[in-house]
Structures are given as structure tokens and as C-alpha cells.
Amino acid sequence: MVKRFIIIFFLITTSVSASSDCKYYAEADVVDDKLINKKEHYTCKESDNFFVQFVTDPKYENSFIMVVMALLENL
């Protein structure tokens, strides 16, 4: 039972990070056919997921602890 919960938890959290919207662009100055001052910009905006917020947000801290305690108590 515990192994199944850990596997499901891992799959849910990894699938959330794969659904982000990423943008990449680079800029540089060209002098004598050479790149100078190359800057790369990589930004990602992850979609909000209630499960991730429930685990990480401080306002759900007490609720999360109670859920974990209830799960452990019923094992």
C-alpha cells in the first residue's frame, strides 16, 4: 500500500513539471563575424496544480499534515 502511494505521488509530481510553457531566446553582438556578449534567456511558466499547491503552500500546511496523519493512522 505504501509503495503504491509513493509511486503514484512520484508520477503526479513529475507529470506536473513536464507541463510547463517554456520560451528560449538568445541575443548577441556580431563584430568581425564573431559573436560577442552572447546572452541566453530561458524562462518557464509552470501551470498551477492544486496538488502541488496543497503540498507546498504554507496556507495548506495544517491540512496537509492532517491528511498525512490520517493516512498513516489507517495503515
PDB file of N, CA and C in Angstrom:
ATOM      1  N   MET A   1       0.820  -1.196   0.000  1.00  0.00           N
ATOM      2  CA  MET A   1       0.000   0.000   0.000  1.00  0.00           C
ATOM      3  C   MET A   1       0.863   1.259   0.000  1.00  0.00           C
ATOM      4  N   VAL A   2       1.886   1.299   0.850  1.00  0.00           N
ATOM      5  CA  VAL A   2       2.750   2.468   0.938  1.00  0.00           C
ATOM      6  C   VAL A   2       3.552   2.630  -0.344  1.00  0.00           C
ATOM      7  N   LYS A   3       4.026   1.526  -0.904  1.00  0.00           N
ATOM      8  CA  LYS A   3       4.798   1.602  -2.149  1.00  0.00           C
ATOM      9  C   LYS A   3       3.929   2.147  -3.278  1.00  0.00           C
ATOM     10  N   ARG A   4       2.684   1.715  -3.324  1.00  0.00           N
ATOM     11  CA  ARG A   4       1.777   2.186  -4.362  1.00  0.00           C
ATOM     12  C   ARG A   4       1.542   3.695  -4.219  1.00  0.00           C
ATOM     13  N   PHE A   5       1.366   4.180  -2.982  1.00  0.00           N
ATOM     14  CA  PHE A   5       1.170   5.607  -2.743  1.00  0.00           C
ATOM     15  C   PHE A   5       2.395   6.407  -3.161  1.00  0.00           C
ATOM     16  N   ILE A   6       3.583   5.921  -2.848  1.00  0.00           N
ATOM     17  CA  ILE A   6       4.819   6.624  -3.210  1.00  0.00           C
ATOM     18  C   ILE A   6       4.974   6.679  -4.721  1.00  0.00           C
ATOM     19  N   ILE A   7       4.665   5.603  -5.406  1.00  0.00           N
ATOM     20  CA  ILE A   7       4.772   5.590  -6.866  1.00  0.00           C
ATOM     21  C   ILE A   7       3.769   6.554  -7.479  1.00  0.00           C
ATOM     22  N   ILE A   8       2.543   6.562  -6.997  1.00  0.00           N
ATOM     23  CA  ILE A   8       1.521   7.474  -7.522  1.00  0.00           C
ATOM     24  C   ILE A   8       1.929   8.921  -7.246  1.00  0.00           C
ATOM     25  N   PHE A   9       2.422   9.196  -6.051  1.00  0.00           N
ATOM     26  CA  PHE A   9       2.877  10.542  -5.696  1.00  0.00           C
ATOM     27  C   PHE A   9       3.996  11.001  -6.629  1.00  0.00           C
ATOM     28  N   PHE A  10       4.958  10.123  -6.897  1.00  0.00           N
ATOM     29  CA  PHE A  10       6.068  10.455  -7.789  1.00  0.00           C
ATOM     30  C   PHE A  10       5.574  10.739  -9.200  1.00  0.00           C
ATOM     31  N   LEU A  11       4.654   9.935  -9.700  1.00  0.00           N
ATOM     32  CA  LEU A  11       4.145  10.130 -11.055  1.00  0.00           C
ATOM     33  C   LEU A  11       3.364  11.433 -11.182  1.00  0.00           C
ATOM     34  N   ILE A  12       2.602  11.783 -10.175  1.00  0.00           N
ATOM     35  CA  ILE A  12       1.834  13.027 -10.225  1.00  0.00           C
ATOM     36  C   ILE A  12       2.761  14.234 -10.211  1.00  0.00           C
ATOM     37  N   THR A  13       3.766  14.223  -9.348  1.00  0.00           N
ATOM     38  CA  THR A  13       4.649  15.384  -9.245  1.00  0.00           C
ATOM     39  C   THR A  13       5.548  15.527 -10.460  1.00  0.00           C
ATOM     40  N   THR A  14       5.972  14.430 -11.079  1.00  0.00           N
ATOM     41  CA  THR A  14       6.827  14.558 -12.260  1.00  0.00           C
ATOM     42  C   THR A  14       6.027  14.972 -13.483  1.00  0.00           C
ATOM     43  N   SER A  15       4.771  14.578 -13.577  1.00  0.00           N
ATOM     44  CA  SER A  15       3.975  14.977 -14.736  1.00  0.00           C
ATOM     45  C   SER A  15       3.626  16.456 -14.680  1.00  0.00           C
ATOM     46  N   VAL A  16       3.586  17.029 -13.501  1.00  0.00           N
ATOM     47  CA  VAL A  16       3.292  18.454 -13.369  1.00  0.00           C
ATOM     48  C   VAL A  16       4.440  19.283 -13.926  1.00  0.00           C
ATOM     49  N   SER A  17       5.666  18.898 -13.630  1.00  0.00           N
ATOM     50  CA  SER A  17       6.799  19.679 -14.107  1.00  0.00           C
ATOM     51  C   SER A  17       6.973  19.560 -15.615  1.00  0.00           C
ATOM     52  N   ALA A  18       6.438  18.525 -16.233  1.00  0.00           N
ATOM     53  CA  ALA A  18       6.566  18.358 -17.673  1.00  0.00           C
ATOM     54  C   ALA A  18       5.556  19.204 -18.437  1.00  0.00           C
ATOM     55  N   SER A  19       4.583  19.764 -17.772  1.00  0.00           N
ATOM     56  CA  SER A  19       3.556  20.537 -18.463  1.00  0.00           C
ATOM     57  C   SER A  19       3.785  22.044 -18.359  1.00  0.00           C
ATOM     58  N   SER A  20       5.020  22.470 -18.396  1.00  0.00           N
ATOM     59  CA  SER A  20       5.317  23.893 -18.299  1.00  0.00           C
ATOM     60  C   SER A  20       5.452  24.508 -19.692  1.00  0.00           C
ATOM     61  N   ASP A  21       5.241  25.797 -19.754  1.00  0.00           N
ATOM     62  CA  ASP A  21       5.338  26.539 -21.004  1.00  0.00           C
ATOM     63  C   ASP A  21       6.661  27.287 -20.993  1.00  0.00           C
ATOM     64  N   CYS A  22       7.622  26.864 -21.822  1.00  0.00           N
ATOM     65  CA  CYS A  22       8.966  27.435 -21.809  1.00  0.00           C
ATOM     66  C   CYS A  22       9.243  28.238 -23.074  1.00  0.00           C
ATOM     67  N   LYS A  23      10.005  29.294 -22.894  1.00  0.00           N
ATOM     68  CA  LYS A  23      10.423  30.128 -24.017  1.00  0.00           C
ATOM     69  C   LYS A  23      11.928  30.350 -23.922  1.00  0.00           C
ATOM     70  N   TYR A  24      12.583  30.274 -25.066  1.00  0.00           N
ATOM     71  CA  TYR A  24      14.026  30.441 -25.132  1.00  0.00           C
ATOM     72  C   TYR A  24      14.366  31.444 -26.226  1.00  0.00           C
ATOM     73  N   TYR A  25      15.244  32.373 -25.923  1.00  0.00           N
ATOM     74  CA  TYR A  25      15.783  33.232 -26.974  1.00  0.00           C
ATOM     75  C   TYR A  25      17.193  33.660 -26.586  1.00  0.00           C
ATOM     76  N   ALA A  26      17.957  33.992 -27.597  1.00  0.00           N
ATOM     77  CA  ALA A  26      19.343  34.406 -27.382  1.00  0.00           C
ATOM     78  C   ALA A  26      19.603  35.680 -28.162  1.00  0.00           C
ATOM     79  N   GLU A  27      20.533  36.472 -27.645  1.00  0.00           N
ATOM     80  CA  GLU A  27      20.924  37.688 -28.332  1.00  0.00           C
ATOM     81  C   GLU A  27      22.434  37.848 -28.208  1.00  0.00           C
ATOM     82  N   ALA A  28      23.029  38.443 -29.235  1.00  0.00           N
ATOM     83  CA  ALA A  28      24.476  38.635 -29.235  1.00  0.00           C
ATOM     84  C   ALA A  28      24.835  39.760 -30.191  1.00  0.00           C
ATOM     85  N   ASP A  29      25.998  40.319 -29.975  1.00  0.00           N
ATOM     86  CA  ASP A  29      26.541  41.326 -30.884  1.00  0.00           C
ATOM     87  C   ASP A  29      27.517  40.630 -31.828  1.00  0.00           C
ATOM     88  N   VAL A  30      27.506  41.035 -33.089  1.00  0.00           N
ATOM     89  CA  VAL A  30      28.400  40.450 -34.078  1.00  0.00           C
ATOM     90  C   VAL A  30      29.431  41.503 -34.476  1.00  0.00           C
ATOM     91  N   VAL A  31      30.688  41.190 -34.232  1.00  0.00           N
ATOM     92  CA  VAL A  31      31.789  42.078 -34.595  1.00  0.00           C
ATOM     93  C   VAL A  31      32.821  41.250 -35.341  1.00  0.00           C
ATOM     94  N   ASP A  32      33.125  41.641 -36.569  1.00  0.00           N
ATOM     95  CA  ASP A  32      34.085  40.919 -37.413  1.00  0.00           C
ATOM     96  C   ASP A  32      33.713  39.448 -37.543  1.00  0.00           C
ATOM     97  N   ASP A  33      32.452  39.172 -37.782  1.00  0.00           N
ATOM     98  CA  ASP A  33      31.933  37.806 -37.956  1.00  0.00           C
ATOM     99  C   ASP A  33      32.144  36.917 -36.728  1.00  0.00           C
ATOM    100  N   LYS A  34      32.205  37.509 -35.554  1.00  0.00           N
ATOM    101  CA  LYS A  34      32.325  36.744 -34.308  1.00  0.00           C
ATOM    102  C   LYS A  34      31.238  37.206 -33.343  1.00  0.00           C
ATOM    103  N   LEU A  35      30.714  36.272 -32.583  1.00  0.00           N
ATOM    104  CA  LEU A  35      29.690  36.601 -31.589  1.00  0.00           C
ATOM    105  C   LEU A  35      30.345  37.133 -30.323  1.00  0.00           C
ATOM    106  N   ILE A  36      29.853  38.269 -29.878  1.00  0.00           N
ATOM    107  CA  ILE A  36      30.369  38.892 -28.652  1.00  0.00           C
ATOM    108  C   ILE A  36      29.165  39.200 -27.754  1.00  0.00           C
ATOM    109  N   ASN A  37      29.337  39.057 -26.490  1.00  0.00           N
ATOM    110  CA  ASN A  37      28.294  39.342 -25.494  1.00  0.00           C
ATOM    111  C   ASN A  37      27.034  38.505 -25.736  1.00  0.00           C
ATOM    112  N   LYS A  38      27.216  37.237 -25.910  1.00  0.00           N
ATOM    113  CA  LYS A  38      26.068  36.356 -26.139  1.00  0.00           C
ATOM    114  C   LYS A  38      25.311  36.162 -24.825  1.00  0.00           C
ATOM    115  N   LYS A  39      24.003  36.380 -24.884  1.00  0.00           N
ATOM    116  CA  LYS A  39      23.144  36.202 -23.707  1.00  0.00           C
ATOM    117  C   LYS A  39      22.003  35.279 -24.084  1.00  0.00           C
ATOM    118  N   GLU A  40      21.795  34.259 -23.278  1.00  0.00           N
ATOM    119  CA  GLU A  40      20.709  33.314 -23.500  1.00  0.00           C
ATOM    120  C   GLU A  40      19.662  33.512 -22.416  1.00  0.00           C
ATOM    121  N   HIS A  41      18.415  33.512 -22.818  1.00  0.00           N
ATOM    122  CA  HIS A  41      17.308  33.685 -21.881  1.00  0.00           C
ATOM    123  C   HIS A  41      16.385  32.479 -22.000  1.00  0.00           C
ATOM    124  N   TYR A  42      16.123  31.840 -20.869  1.00  0.00           N
ATOM    125  CA  TYR A  42      15.271  30.653 -20.829  1.00  0.00           C
ATOM    126  C   TYR A  42      14.298  30.836 -19.673  1.00  0.00           C
ATOM    127  N   THR A  43      13.027  31.003 -19.999  1.00  0.00           N
ATOM    128  CA  THR A  43      12.025  31.207 -18.957  1.00  0.00           C
ATOM    129  C   THR A  43      10.916  30.179 -19.099  1.00  0.00           C
ATOM    130  N   CYS A  44      10.455  29.702 -17.980  1.00  0.00           N
ATOM    131  CA  CYS A  44       9.368  28.720 -17.970  1.00  0.00           C
ATOM    132  C   CYS A  44       8.262  29.214 -17.042  1.00  0.00           C
ATOM    133  N   LYS A  45       7.038  29.014 -17.480  1.00  0.00           N
ATOM    134  CA  LYS A  45       5.894  29.306 -16.638  1.00  0.00           C
ATOM    135  C   LYS A  45       5.143  27.994 -16.437  1.00  0.00           C
ATOM    136  N   GLU A  46       5.164  27.511 -15.212  1.00  0.00           N
ATOM    137  CA  GLU A  46       4.506  26.254 -14.914  1.00  0.00           C
ATOM    138  C   GLU A  46       3.026  26.504 -14.624  1.00  0.00           C
ATOM    139  N   SER A  47       2.227  25.581 -15.061  1.00  0.00           N
ATOM    140  CA  SER A  47       0.799  25.696 -14.789  1.00  0.00           C
ATOM    141  C   SER A  47       0.526  25.362 -13.324  1.00  0.00           C
ATOM    142  N   ASP A  48      -0.447  26.048 -12.756  1.00  0.00           N
ATOM    143  CA  ASP A  48      -0.791  25.813 -11.359  1.00  0.00           C
ATOM    144  C   ASP A  48      -1.550  24.502 -11.219  1.00  0.00           C
ATOM    145  N   ASN A  49      -1.158  23.733 -10.245  1.00  0.00           N
ATOM    146  CA  ASN A  49      -1.788  22.458  -9.974  1.00  0.00           C
ATOM    147  C   ASN A  49      -2.170  22.451  -8.496  1.00  0.00           C
ATOM    148  N   PHE A  50      -3.407  22.088  -8.201  1.00  0.00           N
ATOM    149  CA  PHE A  50      -3.868  22.119  -6.813  1.00  0.00           C
ATOM    150  C   PHE A  50      -3.064  21.168  -5.935  1.00  0.00           C
ATOM    151  N   PHE A  51      -2.714  19.996  -6.457  1.00  0.00           N
ATOM    152  CA  PHE A  51      -1.972  19.025  -5.650  1.00  0.00           C
ATOM    153  C   PHE A  51      -0.614  19.594  -5.228  1.00  0.00           C
ATOM    154  N   VAL A  52       0.099  20.230  -6.146  1.00  0.00           N
ATOM    155  CA  VAL A  52       1.404  20.815  -5.819  1.00  0.00           C
ATOM    156  C   VAL A  52       1.234  21.968  -4.838  1.00  0.00           C
ATOM    157  N   GLN A  53       0.215  22.793  -5.043  1.00  0.00           N
ATOM    158  CA  GLN A  53      -0.045  23.883  -4.104  1.00  0.00           C
ATOM    159  C   GLN A  53      -0.389  23.339  -2.721  1.00  0.00           C
ATOM    160  N   PHE A  54      -1.157  22.271  -2.665  1.00  0.00           N
ATOM    161  CA  PHE A  54      -1.563  21.684  -1.387  1.00  0.00           C
ATOM    162  C   PHE A  54      -0.350  21.194  -0.602  1.00  0.00           C
ATOM    163  N   VAL A  55       0.635  20.659  -1.312  1.00  0.00           N
ATOM    164  CA  VAL A  55       1.817  20.119  -0.644  1.00  0.00           C
ATOM    165  C   VAL A  55       2.803  21.229  -0.276  1.00  0.00           C
ATOM    166  N   THR A  56       2.910  22.286  -1.086  1.00  0.00           N
ATOM    167  CA  THR A  56       3.968  23.273  -0.885  1.00  0.00           C
ATOM    168  C   THR A  56       3.527  24.610  -0.305  1.00  0.00           C
ATOM    169  N   ASP A  57       2.277  24.966  -0.407  1.00  0.00           N
ATOM    170  CA  ASP A  57       1.825  26.283   0.038  1.00  0.00           C
ATOM    171  C   ASP A  57       1.625  26.311   1.555  1.00  0.00           C
ATOM    172  N   PRO A  58       2.160  27.313   2.233  1.00  0.00           N
ATOM    173  CA  PRO A  58       2.022  27.380   3.700  1.00  0.00           C
ATOM    174  C   PRO A  58       0.579  27.471   4.190  1.00  0.00           C
ATOM    175  N   LYS A  59      -0.334  28.009   3.380  1.00  0.00           N
ATOM    176  CA  LYS A  59      -1.712  28.130   3.863  1.00  0.00           C
ATOM    177  C   LYS A  59      -2.417  26.782   3.952  1.00  0.00           C
ATOM    178  N   TYR A  60      -1.892  25.748   3.285  1.00  0.00           N
ATOM    179  CA  TYR A  60      -2.449  24.404   3.379  1.00  0.00           C
ATOM    180  C   TYR A  60      -1.615  23.489   4.281  1.00  0.00           C
ATOM    181  N   GLU A  61      -0.692  24.063   5.015  1.00  0.00           N
ATOM    182  CA  GLU A  61       0.233  23.273   5.820  1.00  0.00           C
ATOM    183  C   GLU A  61      -0.484  22.380   6.844  1.00  0.00           C
ATOM    184  N   ASN A  62      -1.401  22.949   7.599  1.00  0.00           N
ATOM    185  CA  ASN A  62      -2.107  22.169   8.625  1.00  0.00           C
ATOM    186  C   ASN A  62      -2.989  21.089   7.994  1.00  0.00           C
ATOM    187  N   SER A  63      -3.639  21.416   6.910  1.00  0.00           N
ATOM    188  CA  SER A  63      -4.488  20.428   6.232  1.00  0.00           C
ATOM    189  C   SER A  63      -3.655  19.270   5.699  1.00  0.00           C
ATOM    190  N   PHE A  64      -2.503  19.594   5.129  1.00  0.00           N
ATOM    191  CA  PHE A  64      -1.631  18.549   4.605  1.00  0.00           C
ATOM    192  C   PHE A  64      -1.154  17.620   5.722  1.00  0.00           C
ATOM    193  N   ILE A  65      -0.776  18.195   6.835  1.00  0.00           N
ATOM    194  CA  ILE A  65      -0.320  17.384   7.979  1.00  0.00           C
ATOM    195  C   ILE A  65      -1.446  16.479   8.467  1.00  0.00           C
ATOM    196  N   MET A  66      -2.669  16.993   8.531  1.00  0.00           N
ATOM    197  CA  MET A  66      -3.800  16.170   8.983  1.00  0.00           C
ATOM    198  C   MET A  66      -4.082  15.029   8.002  1.00  0.00           C
ATOM    199  N   VAL A  67      -3.979  15.288   6.704  1.00  0.00           N
ATOM    200  CA  VAL A  67      -4.205  14.230   5.707  1.00  0.00           C
ATOM    201  C   VAL A  67      -3.149  13.151   5.838  1.00  0.00           C
ATOM    202  N   VAL A  68      -1.885  13.547   5.978  1.00  0.00           N
ATOM    203  CA  VAL A  68      -0.794  12.569   6.125  1.00  0.00           C
ATOM    204  C   VAL A  68      -0.980  11.763   7.407  1.00  0.00           C
ATOM    205  N   MET A  69      -1.365  12.420   8.480  1.00  0.00           N
ATOM    206  CA  MET A  69      -1.583  11.708   9.744  1.00  0.00           C
ATOM    207  C   MET A  69      -2.736  10.714   9.616  1.00  0.00           C
ATOM    208  N   ALA A  70      -3.795  11.112   8.937  1.00  0.00           N
ATOM    209  CA  ALA A  70      -4.937  10.206   8.764  1.00  0.00           C
ATOM    210  C   ALA A  70      -4.550   9.015   7.903  1.00  0.00           C
ATOM    211  N   LEU A  71      -3.763   9.244   6.876  1.00  0.00           N
ATOM    212  CA  LEU A  71      -3.305   8.116   6.029  1.00  0.00           C
ATOM    213  C   LEU A  71      -2.420   7.159   6.818  1.00  0.00           C
ATOM    214  N   LEU A  72      -1.502   7.719   7.587  1.00  0.00           N
ATOM    215  CA  LEU A  72      -0.597   6.869   8.370  1.00  0.00           C
ATOM    216  C   LEU A  72      -1.345   6.116   9.472  1.00  0.00           C
ATOM    217  N   GLU A  73      -2.334   6.753  10.037  1.00  0.00           N
ATOM    218  CA  GLU A  73      -3.100   6.110  11.104  1.00  0.00           C
ATOM    219  C   GLU A  73      -3.896   4.918  10.588  1.00  0.00           C
ATOM    220  N   ASN A  74      -4.373   5.002   9.351  1.00  0.00           N
ATOM    221  CA  ASN A  74      -5.186   3.944   8.794  1.00  0.00           C
ATOM    222  C   ASN A  74      -4.392   2.844   8.074  1.00  0.00           C
ATOM    223  N   LEU A  75      -3.095   2.917   8.124  1.00  0.00           N
ATOM    224  CA  LEU A  75      -2.287   1.860   7.504  1.00  0.00           C
ATOM    225  C   LEU A  75      -2.276   0.606   8.297  1.00  0.00           C
TER     226      LEU A  75
END
